[in-house]
Amino acid sequence: AGEVMMKPLRGKTAAVIGASSRVGRATALAFAAYGAQVVLVSRREPEIFAVLEELHHSGGEGSAVIADVSDEREVVRIVRHIETNFGRLDAVFNNARVTGDVGIATHEQTVENFR
């Protein structure tokens, strides 16, 4: 029971958008510490692989995707990566500078809002 309490996100998959530094990096490592498989997403290739290495070194599971989430095709590629490698997505933390329109719920945003 202690392992379940220590890793309440075991079996879950989280994507962290903008995971290559600061808040995104810390969030990705926290998801991993709680047991989630973490998909790191960033436009910054060397930095994202450094975070992935840190995540793996700390005992976490995950992968990295180099992508620009302001491009719809890139978002589709991220989702396909998650489906293929993890089969599920339970949480998304958007730390990218792409937010859509303020005051509109995320599920009500249009693709155009994110450009």
C-alpha atoms as a PDB file:
ATOM      1  CA  ALA A   1       0.000   0.000   0.000  1.00  0.00           C
ATOM      2  CA  GLY A   2       2.946   2.335   0.651  1.00  0.00           C
ATOM      3  CA  GLU A   3       4.066   2.167  -2.980  1.00  0.00           C
ATOM      4  CA  VAL A   4       0.578   3.169  -4.157  1.00  0.00           C
ATOM      5  CA  MET A   5       0.552   6.076  -1.731  1.00  0.00           C
ATOM      6  CA  MET A   6       4.006   7.189  -2.859  1.00  0.00           C
ATOM      7  CA  LYS A   7       3.179   6.871  -6.568  1.00  0.00           C
ATOM      8  CA  PRO A   8      -0.482   7.865  -6.933  1.00  0.00           C
ATOM      9  CA  LEU A   9      -0.043   8.549 -10.683  1.00  0.00           C
ATOM     10  CA  ARG A  10       1.395   5.112 -11.515  1.00  0.00           C
ATOM     11  CA  GLY A  11      -0.178   3.885 -14.754  1.00  0.00           C
ATOM     12  CA  LYS A  12      -1.114   7.414 -15.832  1.00  0.00           C
ATOM     13  CA  THR A  13       0.413   9.411 -18.678  1.00  0.00           C
ATOM     14  CA  ALA A  14       1.011  13.147 -18.536  1.00  0.00           C
ATOM     15  CA  ALA A  15       2.202  15.451 -21.313  1.00  0.00           C
ATOM     16  CA  VAL A  16       4.128  18.568 -20.359  1.00  0.00           C
ATOM     17  CA  ILE A  17       4.202  21.170 -23.103  1.00  0.00           C
ATOM     18  CA  GLY A  18       7.179  23.501 -22.769  1.00  0.00           C
ATOM     19  CA  ALA A  19       9.069  21.026 -20.590  1.00  0.00           C
ATOM     20  CA  SER A  20      12.634  22.051 -21.444  1.00  0.00           C
ATOM     21  CA  SER A  21      13.289  24.452 -18.552  1.00  0.00           C
ATOM     22  CA  ARG A  22      12.103  26.073 -15.324  1.00  0.00           C
ATOM     23  CA  VAL A  23       8.411  25.503 -14.546  1.00  0.00           C
ATOM     24  CA  GLY A  24       7.904  22.927 -17.304  1.00  0.00           C
ATOM     25  CA  ARG A  25      10.983  20.955 -16.249  1.00  0.00           C
ATOM     26  CA  ALA A  26       9.939  21.002 -12.584  1.00  0.00           C
ATOM     27  CA  THR A  27       6.394  19.937 -13.462  1.00  0.00           C
ATOM     28  CA  ALA A  28       7.624  17.043 -15.618  1.00  0.00           C
ATOM     29  CA  LEU A  29       9.926  15.818 -12.858  1.00  0.00           C
ATOM     30  CA  ALA A  30       7.095  16.114 -10.309  1.00  0.00           C
ATOM     31  CA  PHE A  31       4.721  14.069 -12.485  1.00  0.00           C
ATOM     32  CA  ALA A  32       7.457  11.426 -12.779  1.00  0.00           C
ATOM     33  CA  ALA A  33       8.152  11.473  -9.028  1.00  0.00           C
ATOM     34  CA  TYR A  34       4.481  10.664  -8.458  1.00  0.00           C
ATOM     35  CA  GLY A  35       4.698   7.739 -10.874  1.00  0.00           C
ATOM     36  CA  ALA A  36       3.322   9.111 -14.143  1.00  0.00           C
ATOM     37  CA  GLN A  37       4.845   8.321 -17.508  1.00  0.00           C
ATOM     38  CA  VAL A  38       5.754  11.740 -18.861  1.00  0.00           C
ATOM     39  CA  VAL A  39       5.830  12.953 -22.458  1.00  0.00           C
ATOM     40  CA  LEU A  40       8.110  15.981 -22.628  1.00  0.00           C
ATOM     41  CA  VAL A  41       7.300  18.406 -25.447  1.00  0.00           C
ATOM     42  CA  SER A  42       9.454  21.329 -26.515  1.00  0.00           C
ATOM     43  CA  ARG A  43      10.872  23.107 -29.543  1.00  0.00           C
ATOM     44  CA  ARG A  44      14.302  23.137 -27.877  1.00  0.00           C
ATOM     45  CA  GLU A  45      16.036  19.869 -28.759  1.00  0.00           C
ATOM     46  CA  PRO A  46      19.189  19.777 -26.644  1.00  0.00           C
ATOM     47  CA  GLU A  47      17.382  21.036 -23.553  1.00  0.00           C
ATOM     48  CA  ILE A  48      14.469  18.597 -23.774  1.00  0.00           C
ATOM     49  CA  PHE A  49      16.812  15.620 -24.023  1.00  0.00           C
ATOM     50  CA  ALA A  50      18.710  16.870 -20.971  1.00  0.00           C
ATOM     51  CA  VAL A  51      15.423  16.934 -19.029  1.00  0.00           C
ATOM     52  CA  LEU A  52      14.562  13.449 -20.340  1.00  0.00           C
ATOM     53  CA  GLU A  53      17.933  12.171 -19.137  1.00  0.00           C
ATOM     54  CA  GLU A  54      17.307  13.745 -15.722  1.00  0.00           C
ATOM     55  CA  LEU A  55      13.841  12.176 -15.597  1.00  0.00           C
ATOM     56  CA  HIS A  56      15.219   8.718 -16.430  1.00  0.00           C
ATOM     57  CA  HIS A  57      18.134   9.138 -13.980  1.00  0.00           C
ATOM     58  CA  SER A  58      15.623   9.825 -11.192  1.00  0.00           C
ATOM     59  CA  GLY A  59      13.794   6.578 -12.006  1.00  0.00           C
ATOM     60  CA  GLY A  60      11.013   8.124 -14.080  1.00  0.00           C
ATOM     61  CA  GLU A  61       9.543   6.833 -17.322  1.00  0.00           C
ATOM     62  CA  GLY A  62       8.869   8.939 -20.365  1.00  0.00           C
ATOM     63  CA  SER A  63       9.829  10.198 -23.779  1.00  0.00           C
ATOM     64  CA  ALA A  64      10.518  13.451 -25.563  1.00  0.00           C
ATOM     65  CA  VAL A  65       8.921  14.992 -28.639  1.00  0.00           C
ATOM     66  CA  ILE A  66      10.432  17.975 -30.435  1.00  0.00           C
ATOM     67  CA  ALA A  67       7.422  19.974 -31.620  1.00  0.00           C
ATOM     68  CA  ASP A  68       5.867  23.415 -31.982  1.00  0.00           C
ATOM     69  CA  VAL A  69       2.347  23.283 -30.519  1.00  0.00           C
ATOM     70  CA  SER A  70       1.254  26.351 -32.494  1.00  0.00           C
ATOM     71  CA  ASP A  71       1.259  24.058 -35.570  1.00  0.00           C
ATOM     72  CA  GLU A  72      -1.792  21.768 -35.688  1.00  0.00           C
ATOM     73  CA  ARG A  73       0.131  19.079 -37.607  1.00  0.00           C
ATOM     74  CA  GLU A  74       2.720  18.992 -34.832  1.00  0.00           C
ATOM     75  CA  VAL A  75      -0.010  18.557 -32.218  1.00  0.00           C
ATOM     76  CA  VAL A  76      -1.402  15.609 -34.201  1.00  0.00           C
ATOM     77  CA  ARG A  77       2.106  14.114 -34.277  1.00  0.00           C
ATOM     78  CA  ILE A  78       2.383  14.512 -30.474  1.00  0.00           C
ATOM     79  CA  VAL A  79      -0.977  12.783 -29.941  1.00  0.00           C
ATOM     80  CA  ARG A  80       0.031   9.920 -32.255  1.00  0.00           C
ATOM     81  CA  HIS A  81       3.287   9.530 -30.331  1.00  0.00           C
ATOM     82  CA  ILE A  82       1.346   9.311 -27.065  1.00  0.00           C
ATOM     83  CA  GLU A  83      -1.194   6.835 -28.487  1.00  0.00           C
ATOM     84  CA  THR A  84       1.543   4.608 -29.940  1.00  0.00           C
ATOM     85  CA  ASN A  85       3.884   4.649 -26.963  1.00  0.00           C
ATOM     86  CA  PHE A  86       1.554   4.927 -23.973  1.00  0.00           C
ATOM     87  CA  GLY A  87      -1.984   4.199 -25.159  1.00  0.00           C
ATOM     88  CA  ARG A  88      -3.536   6.901 -23.003  1.00  0.00           C
ATOM     89  CA  LEU A  89      -3.297  10.534 -21.925  1.00  0.00           C
ATOM     90  CA  ASP A  90      -4.519  11.487 -18.474  1.00  0.00           C
ATOM     91  CA  ALA A  91      -3.136  14.991 -17.943  1.00  0.00           C
ATOM     92  CA  VAL A  92      -1.691  17.861 -19.958  1.00  0.00           C
ATOM     93  CA  PHE A  93       0.271  20.761 -18.503  1.00  0.00           C
ATOM     94  CA  ASN A  94       0.569  23.593 -21.036  1.00  0.00           C
ATOM     95  CA  ASN A  95       3.626  25.652 -20.218  1.00  0.00           C
ATOM     96  CA  ALA A  96       4.109  26.896 -23.780  1.00  0.00           C
ATOM     97  CA  ARG A  97       3.530  30.487 -24.770  1.00  0.00           C
ATOM     98  CA  VAL A  98       0.575  29.359 -26.840  1.00  0.00           C
ATOM     99  CA  THR A  99      -2.587  29.797 -24.799  1.00  0.00           C
ATOM    100  CA  GLY A 100      -5.509  30.565 -27.088  1.00  0.00           C
ATOM    101  CA  ASP A 101      -8.003  33.308 -26.277  1.00  0.00           C
ATOM    102  CA  VAL A 102      -8.256  34.462 -22.675  1.00  0.00           C
ATOM    103  CA  GLY A 103     -11.639  33.839 -21.094  1.00  0.00           C
ATOM    104  CA  ILE A 104     -12.560  30.886 -23.312  1.00  0.00           C
ATOM    105  CA  ALA A 105     -12.463  27.379 -21.832  1.00  0.00           C
ATOM    106  CA  THR A 106      -9.786  25.154 -23.366  1.00  0.00           C
ATOM    107  CA  HIS A 107     -12.277  22.709 -24.859  1.00  0.00           C
ATOM    108  CA  GLU A 108     -14.070  25.620 -26.572  1.00  0.00           C
ATOM    109  CA  GLN A 109     -10.949  27.039 -28.265  1.00  0.00           C
ATOM    110  CA  THR A 110     -10.570  26.787 -32.023  1.00  0.00           C
ATOM    111  CA  VAL A 111      -7.368  25.948 -33.878  1.00  0.00           C
ATOM    112  CA  GLU A 112      -7.239  29.567 -35.070  1.00  0.00           C
ATOM    113  CA  ASN A 113      -7.148  30.794 -31.442  1.00  0.00           C
ATOM    114  CA  PHE A 114      -3.787  29.089 -31.005  1.00  0.00           C
ATOM    115  CA  ARG A 115      -2.008  30.707 -33.940  1.00  0.00           C
END
